[in-house]
Amino acid sequence: MLKLINQSDETFYVCITCENVLSEKNKVFYQLSWGENSYDEFGNKKNGKFYPNDRLEPSDTAFFGGYGKNPKKPKIICEKGRLNLFFISESDMRDRTWEEISRNQIYSYKRSFNQKELDSLNWVFKFH
C-alpha cells in the first residue's frame, strides 16, 4: 500500500499511473456525486456531492492499494517498472476540464518511482 502525506499548505489531487503523461485514460475527478436522489438516514434529501479519495488537503494522509498480491510487500505492477504521481492543484481541478489538464499537461509537479526507490521509503512519500 502506498501512503502519501501532504506536508504542504495546499490541497492537491493526485493521479497515480503507469503512464508517463496525464491522459483521458487516467482521469481524476474534482467532485463525485451520489446523484440527485441522495438521502440521509432520516430521509432528508442531502447534497450528493463528495470529494474523491485522491484529494489531499494540507496535513492529510491518503492510502492507495492495489500494488501486488501481498500487502506487506507491495510491488509496482507497471510494465515499464515506474509508478508516476502527478500532483494537480485544487484550483486547476476546479477551473479546468480534465481534457484541458491532460492535453496541456497541467500539474504542479510530478514524481516518478521505481521499485527500489519506493522500497527504500517503505512506500511512504511525504510531499510539500
C-alpha atoms as a PDB file:
ATOM      1  CA  MET A   1       0.000   0.000   0.000  1.00  0.00           C
ATOM      2  CA  LEU A   2       1.301   3.445  -0.944  1.00  0.00           C
ATOM      3  CA  LYS A   3       0.960   6.112   1.749  1.00  0.00           C
ATOM      4  CA  LEU A   4       1.044   9.794   0.744  1.00  0.00           C
ATOM      5  CA  ILE A   5       1.403  12.583   3.289  1.00  0.00           C
ATOM      6  CA  ASN A   6       0.666  16.165   2.255  1.00  0.00           C
ATOM      7  CA  GLN A   7       3.003  18.430   4.248  1.00  0.00           C
ATOM      8  CA  SER A   8       2.191  21.492   2.160  1.00  0.00           C
ATOM      9  CA  ASP A   9      -0.318  24.247   2.818  1.00  0.00           C
ATOM     10  CA  GLU A  10      -2.205  23.485  -0.420  1.00  0.00           C
ATOM     11  CA  THR A  11      -4.829  20.944  -1.443  1.00  0.00           C
ATOM     12  CA  PHE A  12      -3.765  18.612  -4.233  1.00  0.00           C
ATOM     13  CA  TYR A  13      -5.349  15.913  -6.331  1.00  0.00           C
ATOM     14  CA  VAL A  14      -3.050  13.001  -7.064  1.00  0.00           C
ATOM     15  CA  CYS A  15      -3.098  10.987 -10.257  1.00  0.00           C
ATOM     16  CA  ILE A  16      -1.168   7.727  -9.821  1.00  0.00           C
ATOM     17  CA  THR A  17      -0.455   5.989 -13.094  1.00  0.00           C
ATOM     18  CA  CYS A  18       1.974   3.812 -15.015  1.00  0.00           C
ATOM     19  CA  GLU A  19       1.793   6.306 -17.860  1.00  0.00           C
ATOM     20  CA  ASN A  20       4.457   8.981 -18.188  1.00  0.00           C
ATOM     21  CA  VAL A  21       1.875  11.663 -19.017  1.00  0.00           C
ATOM     22  CA  LEU A  22      -1.628  12.623 -17.951  1.00  0.00           C
ATOM     23  CA  SER A  23      -4.278  11.311 -20.322  1.00  0.00           C
ATOM     24  CA  GLU A  24      -8.018  10.810 -20.686  1.00  0.00           C
ATOM     25  CA  LYS A  25      -7.429   7.208 -19.619  1.00  0.00           C
ATOM     26  CA  ASN A  26      -6.235   8.161 -16.099  1.00  0.00           C
ATOM     27  CA  LYS A  27      -8.860  10.831 -15.427  1.00  0.00           C
ATOM     28  CA  VAL A  28      -9.146  12.335 -11.944  1.00  0.00           C
ATOM     29  CA  PHE A  29     -12.472  13.838 -10.863  1.00  0.00           C
ATOM     30  CA  TYR A  30     -12.880  17.145  -8.986  1.00  0.00           C
ATOM     31  CA  GLN A  31     -16.081  16.022  -7.285  1.00  0.00           C
ATOM     32  CA  LEU A  32     -18.218  12.924  -7.473  1.00  0.00           C
ATOM     33  CA  SER A  33     -21.945  12.673  -6.884  1.00  0.00           C
ATOM     34  CA  TRP A  34     -24.340  10.111  -5.482  1.00  0.00           C
ATOM     35  CA  GLY A  35     -26.938  11.751  -7.714  1.00  0.00           C
ATOM     36  CA  GLU A  36     -29.997  13.912  -7.235  1.00  0.00           C
ATOM     37  CA  ASN A  37     -31.807  11.344  -5.113  1.00  0.00           C
ATOM     38  CA  SER A  38     -29.453  11.151  -2.125  1.00  0.00           C
ATOM     39  CA  TYR A  39     -30.980  10.972   1.341  1.00  0.00           C
ATOM     40  CA  ASP A  40     -29.531  10.769   4.840  1.00  0.00           C
ATOM     41  CA  GLU A  41     -30.527   8.183   7.454  1.00  0.00           C
ATOM     42  CA  PHE A  42     -33.538  10.342   8.467  1.00  0.00           C
ATOM     43  CA  GLY A  43     -34.954  10.543   4.939  1.00  0.00           C
ATOM     44  CA  ASN A  44     -33.845  14.140   4.365  1.00  0.00           C
ATOM     45  CA  LYS A  45     -32.579  14.999   0.909  1.00  0.00           C
ATOM     46  CA  LYS A  46     -28.872  15.764   1.033  1.00  0.00           C
ATOM     47  CA  ASN A  47     -26.201  17.176  -1.195  1.00  0.00           C
ATOM     48  CA  GLY A  48     -24.973  14.137  -3.084  1.00  0.00           C
ATOM     49  CA  LYS A  49     -21.551  15.612  -3.911  1.00  0.00           C
ATOM     50  CA  PHE A  50     -18.368  14.394  -2.283  1.00  0.00           C
ATOM     51  CA  TYR A  51     -14.653  14.569  -2.895  1.00  0.00           C
ATOM     52  CA  PRO A  52     -12.792  11.543  -4.234  1.00  0.00           C
ATOM     53  CA  ASN A  53     -10.076   9.716  -2.267  1.00  0.00           C
ATOM     54  CA  ASP A  54      -7.288  11.156  -4.406  1.00  0.00           C
ATOM     55  CA  ARG A  55      -7.818  14.651  -2.932  1.00  0.00           C
ATOM     56  CA  LEU A  56      -5.329  15.507  -0.196  1.00  0.00           C
ATOM     57  CA  GLU A  57      -5.835  18.569   1.957  1.00  0.00           C
ATOM     58  CA  PRO A  58      -2.938  20.159   3.889  1.00  0.00           C
ATOM     59  CA  SER A  59      -1.610  17.798   6.599  1.00  0.00           C
ATOM     60  CA  ASP A  60      -3.745  14.996   5.133  1.00  0.00           C
ATOM     61  CA  THR A  61      -2.721  11.369   4.620  1.00  0.00           C
ATOM     62  CA  ALA A  62      -4.074   9.007   1.976  1.00  0.00           C
ATOM     63  CA  PHE A  63      -3.543   5.336   1.242  1.00  0.00           C
ATOM     64  CA  PHE A  64      -3.588   3.770  -2.212  1.00  0.00           C
ATOM     65  CA  GLY A  65      -3.724  -0.006  -2.631  1.00  0.00           C
ATOM     66  CA  GLY A  66      -3.600  -2.476  -5.469  1.00  0.00           C
ATOM     67  CA  TYR A  67       0.148  -2.964  -5.730  1.00  0.00           C
ATOM     68  CA  GLY A  68       0.822  -6.671  -5.992  1.00  0.00           C
ATOM     69  CA  LYS A  69      -0.804  -9.592  -4.209  1.00  0.00           C
ATOM     70  CA  ASN A  70       0.923  -9.238  -0.829  1.00  0.00           C
ATOM     71  CA  PRO A  71       0.078  -6.000   1.050  1.00  0.00           C
ATOM     72  CA  LYS A  72       3.176  -6.440   3.230  1.00  0.00           C
ATOM     73  CA  LYS A  73       5.414  -6.447   0.148  1.00  0.00           C
ATOM     74  CA  PRO A  74       3.905  -4.021  -2.367  1.00  0.00           C
ATOM     75  CA  LYS A  75       5.080  -4.293  -5.933  1.00  0.00           C
ATOM     76  CA  ILE A  76       4.939  -1.904  -8.862  1.00  0.00           C
ATOM     77  CA  ILE A  77       2.831  -3.612 -11.495  1.00  0.00           C
ATOM     78  CA  CYS A  78       3.622  -1.171 -14.291  1.00  0.00           C
ATOM     79  CA  GLU A  79       5.038  -2.604 -17.495  1.00  0.00           C
ATOM     80  CA  LYS A  80       8.000  -0.192 -17.524  1.00  0.00           C
ATOM     81  CA  GLY A  81       8.640  -0.597 -13.789  1.00  0.00           C
ATOM     82  CA  ARG A  82       7.875   3.011 -12.866  1.00  0.00           C
ATOM     83  CA  LEU A  83       4.967   4.467 -10.950  1.00  0.00           C
ATOM     84  CA  ASN A  84       4.218   8.125 -11.738  1.00  0.00           C
ATOM     85  CA  LEU A  85       2.490  10.529  -9.365  1.00  0.00           C
ATOM     86  CA  PHE A  86       1.067  13.776 -10.727  1.00  0.00           C
ATOM     87  CA  PHE A  87       0.088  16.448  -8.194  1.00  0.00           C
ATOM     88  CA  ILE A  88      -2.608  18.777  -9.533  1.00  0.00           C
ATOM     89  CA  SER A  89      -3.696  21.884  -7.623  1.00  0.00           C
ATOM     90  CA  GLU A  90      -7.269  22.149  -6.457  1.00  0.00           C
ATOM     91  CA  SER A  91      -7.695  25.430  -8.353  1.00  0.00           C
ATOM     92  CA  ASP A  92      -6.689  23.750 -11.626  1.00  0.00           C
ATOM     93  CA  MET A  93      -9.098  20.871 -10.948  1.00  0.00           C
ATOM     94  CA  ARG A  94     -11.905  23.297 -10.153  1.00  0.00           C
ATOM     95  CA  ASP A  95     -11.293  25.770 -13.001  1.00  0.00           C
ATOM     96  CA  ARG A  96     -10.304  23.480 -15.880  1.00  0.00           C
ATOM     97  CA  THR A  97     -11.689  20.404 -17.575  1.00  0.00           C
ATOM     98  CA  TRP A  98      -9.768  17.141 -17.424  1.00  0.00           C
ATOM     99  CA  GLU A  99      -9.411  17.327 -21.214  1.00  0.00           C
ATOM    100  CA  GLU A 100      -7.612  20.671 -20.867  1.00  0.00           C
ATOM    101  CA  ILE A 101      -5.459  19.431 -17.959  1.00  0.00           C
ATOM    102  CA  SER A 102      -4.372  16.279 -19.784  1.00  0.00           C
ATOM    103  CA  ARG A 103      -3.937  17.896 -23.211  1.00  0.00           C
ATOM    104  CA  ASN A 104      -1.745  20.690 -21.782  1.00  0.00           C
ATOM    105  CA  GLN A 105      -0.103  18.555 -19.051  1.00  0.00           C
ATOM    106  CA  ILE A 106      -1.181  20.956 -16.302  1.00  0.00           C
ATOM    107  CA  TYR A 107       0.111  19.803 -12.932  1.00  0.00           C
ATOM    108  CA  SER A 108       2.068  21.358 -10.078  1.00  0.00           C
ATOM    109  CA  TYR A 109       4.690  18.657 -10.055  1.00  0.00           C
ATOM    110  CA  LYS A 110       5.378  15.053 -10.923  1.00  0.00           C
ATOM    111  CA  ARG A 111       7.291  12.354  -9.075  1.00  0.00           C
ATOM    112  CA  SER A 112       8.312   9.039 -10.580  1.00  0.00           C
ATOM    113  CA  PHE A 113       9.450   5.978  -8.600  1.00  0.00           C
ATOM    114  CA  ASN A 114      10.863   2.572  -9.384  1.00  0.00           C
ATOM    115  CA  GLN A 115      10.536  -0.439  -7.064  1.00  0.00           C
ATOM    116  CA  LYS A 116      13.858   0.132  -5.280  1.00  0.00           C
ATOM    117  CA  GLU A 117      13.064   3.793  -4.572  1.00  0.00           C
ATOM    118  CA  LEU A 118       9.641   3.016  -3.089  1.00  0.00           C
ATOM    119  CA  ASP A 119      11.026   0.128  -1.044  1.00  0.00           C
ATOM    120  CA  SER A 120      13.674   2.451   0.422  1.00  0.00           C
ATOM    121  CA  LEU A 121      10.857   4.805   1.504  1.00  0.00           C
ATOM    122  CA  ASN A 122       8.770   1.918   2.906  1.00  0.00           C
ATOM    123  CA  TRP A 123       6.159   3.010   0.384  1.00  0.00           C
ATOM    124  CA  VAL A 124       5.594   6.292   2.270  1.00  0.00           C
ATOM    125  CA  PHE A 125       6.032   9.560   0.334  1.00  0.00           C
ATOM    126  CA  LYS A 126       5.836  12.919   2.094  1.00  0.00           C
ATOM    127  CA  PHE A 127       5.454  15.930  -0.154  1.00  0.00           C
ATOM    128  CA  HIS A 128       5.457  19.693   0.354  1.00  0.00           C
END
